[in-house]
Amino acid sequence: MQTRNRIMDDIGQLMTNAMGVAQGAREEAETAMKSLMDRWMADRDFVTREEFDAVRAMAQKAREENDALKARLDAMDGGAAKTSAPKA
């Protein structure tokens, strides 16, 4: 017949409680670190991804418009050069 060892039961219960405390401390540390990082990021005045994408799209559109205008100017300069060239 096997008897229960009270010391082993107490040690097992103590270990179980210690793991619960450790998990609680880990979760609290994670929450505190996340809060600290959120405050730090908010203080740094970083742009959001949406703002970055919007400005990037505007820059791309402006680049395309500049290319189109340059092509028109080049075409006008080419036509002006042909009409102002002396005829032989």
N, C-alpha and C. Protein backbone atom coordinates (compact mmCIF):
# COMPACT_ATOMS: atom_id res chain seq x y z
N MET A 1 0.83 -1.16 0.00
CA MET A 1 0.00 0.00 0.00
C MET A 1 0.89 1.24 0.00
N GLN A 2 0.49 2.17 -0.79
CA GLN A 2 1.30 3.38 -0.93
C GLN A 2 0.66 4.52 -0.16
N THR A 3 1.47 5.22 0.59
CA THR A 3 0.96 6.35 1.34
C THR A 3 1.36 7.64 0.64
N ARG A 4 0.60 8.64 0.84
CA ARG A 4 0.91 9.93 0.23
C ARG A 4 1.93 10.64 1.09
N ASN A 5 2.88 11.20 0.42
CA ASN A 5 3.92 11.92 1.13
C ASN A 5 3.52 13.40 1.20
N ARG A 6 3.27 13.90 2.36
CA ARG A 6 2.79 15.26 2.54
C ARG A 6 3.84 16.28 2.11
N ILE A 7 5.08 16.01 2.33
CA ILE A 7 6.14 16.95 1.94
C ILE A 7 6.16 17.11 0.42
N MET A 8 6.04 16.02 -0.30
CA MET A 8 6.03 16.09 -1.76
C MET A 8 4.80 16.84 -2.26
N ASP A 9 3.67 16.62 -1.64
CA ASP A 9 2.46 17.36 -2.00
C ASP A 9 2.65 18.86 -1.78
N ASP A 10 3.25 19.21 -0.67
CA ASP A 10 3.50 20.63 -0.37
C ASP A 10 4.47 21.25 -1.37
N ILE A 11 5.51 20.52 -1.72
CA ILE A 11 6.49 21.02 -2.70
C ILE A 11 5.82 21.19 -4.07
N GLY A 12 5.00 20.23 -4.45
CA GLY A 12 4.28 20.32 -5.72
C GLY A 12 3.35 21.52 -5.76
N GLN A 13 2.64 21.74 -4.67
CA GLN A 13 1.74 22.89 -4.58
C GLN A 13 2.52 24.20 -4.63
N LEU A 14 3.66 24.23 -3.95
CA LEU A 14 4.51 25.42 -3.95
C LEU A 14 5.02 25.72 -5.36
N MET A 15 5.44 24.72 -6.10
CA MET A 15 5.93 24.90 -7.47
C MET A 15 4.80 25.39 -8.38
N THR A 16 3.61 24.83 -8.20
CA THR A 16 2.46 25.27 -9.01
C THR A 16 2.16 26.74 -8.74
N ASN A 17 2.17 27.14 -7.49
CA ASN A 17 1.92 28.53 -7.14
C ASN A 17 3.02 29.44 -7.68
N ALA A 18 4.25 28.98 -7.60
CA ALA A 18 5.38 29.79 -8.10
C ALA A 18 5.25 30.01 -9.61
N MET A 19 4.82 29.00 -10.35
CA MET A 19 4.64 29.16 -11.80
C MET A 19 3.53 30.16 -12.09
N GLY A 20 2.47 30.14 -11.32
CA GLY A 20 1.39 31.11 -11.50
C GLY A 20 1.87 32.53 -11.25
N VAL A 21 2.66 32.71 -10.22
CA VAL A 21 3.22 34.03 -9.90
C VAL A 21 4.16 34.47 -11.02
N ALA A 22 4.99 33.56 -11.52
CA ALA A 22 5.93 33.90 -12.58
C ALA A 22 5.19 34.31 -13.86
N GLN A 23 4.12 33.60 -14.20
CA GLN A 23 3.34 33.96 -15.38
C GLN A 23 2.69 35.33 -15.21
N GLY A 24 2.18 35.60 -14.04
CA GLY A 24 1.58 36.90 -13.77
C GLY A 24 2.61 38.02 -13.88
N ALA A 25 3.79 37.79 -13.36
CA ALA A 25 4.86 38.79 -13.44
C ALA A 25 5.28 39.01 -14.90
N ARG A 26 5.34 37.94 -15.68
CA ARG A 26 5.70 38.07 -17.09
C ARG A 26 4.67 38.90 -17.85
N GLU A 27 3.40 38.62 -17.62
CA GLU A 27 2.34 39.36 -18.30
C GLU A 27 2.37 40.84 -17.90
N GLU A 28 2.62 41.10 -16.63
CA GLU A 28 2.68 42.49 -16.17
C GLU A 28 3.88 43.21 -16.78
N ALA A 29 5.03 42.52 -16.88
CA ALA A 29 6.21 43.12 -17.50
C ALA A 29 5.96 43.40 -18.98
N GLU A 30 5.30 42.48 -19.68
CA GLU A 30 4.98 42.70 -21.09
C GLU A 30 4.06 43.90 -21.26
N THR A 31 3.07 44.02 -20.42
CA THR A 31 2.13 45.15 -20.50
C THR A 31 2.86 46.47 -20.24
N ALA A 32 3.73 46.48 -19.24
CA ALA A 32 4.47 47.69 -18.92
C ALA A 32 5.40 48.08 -20.07
N MET A 33 6.07 47.10 -20.68
CA MET A 33 6.98 47.38 -21.79
C MET A 33 6.21 47.89 -23.00
N LYS A 34 5.08 47.29 -23.28
CA LYS A 34 4.25 47.73 -24.41
C LYS A 34 3.79 49.17 -24.19
N SER A 35 3.35 49.47 -22.98
CA SER A 35 2.91 50.83 -22.66
C SER A 35 4.06 51.82 -22.83
N LEU A 36 5.23 51.46 -22.35
CA LEU A 36 6.40 52.32 -22.48
C LEU A 36 6.75 52.56 -23.94
N MET A 37 6.73 51.50 -24.75
CA MET A 37 7.05 51.64 -26.18
C MET A 37 5.99 52.48 -26.90
N ASP A 38 4.72 52.31 -26.55
CA ASP A 38 3.66 53.11 -27.16
C ASP A 38 3.85 54.59 -26.86
N ARG A 39 4.16 54.91 -25.61
CA ARG A 39 4.40 56.31 -25.24
C ARG A 39 5.62 56.86 -25.97
N TRP A 40 6.69 56.09 -26.06
CA TRP A 40 7.91 56.53 -26.72
C TRP A 40 7.64 56.79 -28.21
N MET A 41 6.91 55.88 -28.85
CA MET A 41 6.59 56.05 -30.27
C MET A 41 5.71 57.28 -30.49
N ALA A 42 4.77 57.52 -29.60
CA ALA A 42 3.88 58.68 -29.73
C ALA A 42 4.66 59.98 -29.58
N ASP A 43 5.67 59.99 -28.74
CA ASP A 43 6.49 61.19 -28.53
C ASP A 43 7.41 61.47 -29.71
N ARG A 44 7.70 60.49 -30.53
CA ARG A 44 8.67 60.65 -31.61
C ARG A 44 8.08 61.25 -32.89
N ASP A 45 6.79 61.43 -32.96
CA ASP A 45 6.13 62.06 -34.11
C ASP A 45 6.40 61.29 -35.40
N PHE A 46 6.34 59.97 -35.34
CA PHE A 46 6.49 59.14 -36.53
C PHE A 46 5.21 59.21 -37.36
N VAL A 47 5.35 59.01 -38.66
CA VAL A 47 4.16 58.98 -39.51
C VAL A 47 3.59 57.56 -39.52
N THR A 48 2.29 57.49 -39.76
CA THR A 48 1.67 56.18 -39.86
C THR A 48 1.90 55.62 -41.26
N ARG A 49 1.66 54.37 -41.41
CA ARG A 49 1.82 53.72 -42.72
C ARG A 49 0.87 54.33 -43.74
N GLU A 50 -0.35 54.65 -43.31
CA GLU A 50 -1.34 55.24 -44.22
C GLU A 50 -0.86 56.60 -44.71
N GLU A 51 -0.31 57.43 -43.80
CA GLU A 51 0.20 58.74 -44.19
C GLU A 51 1.36 58.58 -45.17
N PHE A 52 2.25 57.65 -44.89
CA PHE A 52 3.39 57.42 -45.77
C PHE A 52 2.93 56.99 -47.16
N ASP A 53 1.98 56.07 -47.22
CA ASP A 53 1.49 55.60 -48.52
C ASP A 53 0.80 56.72 -49.29
N ALA A 54 0.07 57.60 -48.59
CA ALA A 54 -0.61 58.71 -49.26
C ALA A 54 0.41 59.68 -49.87
N VAL A 55 1.44 60.02 -49.12
CA VAL A 55 2.47 60.94 -49.64
C VAL A 55 3.24 60.28 -50.77
N ARG A 56 3.48 59.01 -50.65
CA ARG A 56 4.19 58.28 -51.71
C ARG A 56 3.39 58.29 -53.00
N ALA A 57 2.07 58.08 -52.90
CA ALA A 57 1.21 58.11 -54.08
C ALA A 57 1.20 59.51 -54.70
N MET A 58 1.17 60.55 -53.86
CA MET A 58 1.19 61.91 -54.38
C MET A 58 2.51 62.19 -55.10
N ALA A 59 3.61 61.72 -54.55
CA ALA A 59 4.92 61.93 -55.18
C ALA A 59 4.99 61.19 -56.51
N GLN A 60 4.46 59.99 -56.56
CA GLN A 60 4.46 59.22 -57.82
C GLN A 60 3.64 59.94 -58.88
N LYS A 61 2.47 60.46 -58.50
CA LYS A 61 1.62 61.19 -59.45
C LYS A 61 2.33 62.44 -59.94
N ALA A 62 2.97 63.18 -59.04
CA ALA A 62 3.70 64.38 -59.43
C ALA A 62 4.84 64.04 -60.38
N ARG A 63 5.53 62.94 -60.13
CA ARG A 63 6.63 62.50 -61.00
C ARG A 63 6.10 62.19 -62.40
N GLU A 64 4.96 61.51 -62.45
CA GLU A 64 4.37 61.18 -63.76
C GLU A 64 3.94 62.43 -64.51
N GLU A 65 3.36 63.40 -63.78
CA GLU A 65 2.96 64.66 -64.41
C GLU A 65 4.18 65.43 -64.92
N ASN A 66 5.26 65.43 -64.14
CA ASN A 66 6.49 66.09 -64.58
C ASN A 66 7.05 65.45 -65.83
N ASP A 67 7.02 64.14 -65.90
CA ASP A 67 7.51 63.43 -67.09
C ASP A 67 6.67 63.79 -68.30
N ALA A 68 5.33 63.86 -68.11
CA ALA A 68 4.45 64.21 -69.22
C ALA A 68 4.72 65.64 -69.69
N LEU A 69 4.87 66.56 -68.76
CA LEU A 69 5.17 67.95 -69.12
C LEU A 69 6.52 68.08 -69.80
N LYS A 70 7.49 67.33 -69.36
CA LYS A 70 8.82 67.36 -69.98
C LYS A 70 8.73 66.86 -71.41
N ALA A 71 7.96 65.81 -71.62
CA ALA A 71 7.79 65.28 -72.98
C ALA A 71 7.12 66.33 -73.87
N ARG A 72 6.13 67.03 -73.34
CA ARG A 72 5.47 68.09 -74.13
C ARG A 72 6.44 69.21 -74.44
N LEU A 73 7.24 69.62 -73.46
CA LEU A 73 8.22 70.68 -73.70
C LEU A 73 9.26 70.26 -74.72
N ASP A 74 9.71 69.03 -74.62
CA ASP A 74 10.69 68.52 -75.58
C ASP A 74 10.09 68.51 -76.98
N ALA A 75 8.82 68.13 -77.08
CA ALA A 75 8.15 68.12 -78.38
C ALA A 75 8.01 69.55 -78.91
N MET A 76 7.69 70.49 -78.05
CA MET A 76 7.56 71.89 -78.47
C MET A 76 8.92 72.45 -78.88
N ASP A 77 9.96 72.14 -78.12
CA ASP A 77 11.30 72.62 -78.45
C ASP A 77 11.77 72.02 -79.77
N GLY A 78 11.45 70.77 -79.99
CA GLY A 78 11.82 70.13 -81.25
C GLY A 78 11.10 70.75 -82.43
N GLY A 79 9.82 71.05 -82.27
CA GLY A 79 9.04 71.69 -83.32
C GLY A 79 9.49 73.11 -83.56
N ALA A 80 9.86 73.83 -82.50
CA ALA A 80 10.33 75.19 -82.63
C ALA A 80 11.69 75.23 -83.31
N ALA A 81 12.51 74.27 -83.00
CA ALA A 81 13.84 74.22 -83.62
C ALA A 81 13.70 73.95 -85.12
N LYS A 82 12.76 73.13 -85.52
CA LYS A 82 12.56 72.83 -86.94
C LYS A 82 12.04 74.04 -87.69
N THR A 83 11.12 74.80 -87.08
CA THR A 83 10.54 75.95 -87.76
C THR A 83 11.48 77.12 -87.78
N SER A 84 12.38 77.25 -86.81
CA SER A 84 13.29 78.39 -86.78
C SER A 84 14.62 78.09 -87.47
N ALA A 85 14.80 76.88 -87.91
CA ALA A 85 16.05 76.53 -88.60
C ALA A 85 16.07 77.22 -89.95
N PRO A 86 17.21 77.79 -90.36
CA PRO A 86 17.29 78.47 -91.67
C PRO A 86 17.13 77.47 -92.79
N LYS A 87 16.38 77.89 -93.81
CA LYS A 87 16.17 77.02 -94.95
C LYS A 87 17.24 77.30 -95.97
N ALA A 88 17.79 76.26 -96.51
CA ALA A 88 18.88 76.43 -97.48
C ALA A 88 18.39 76.39 -98.89
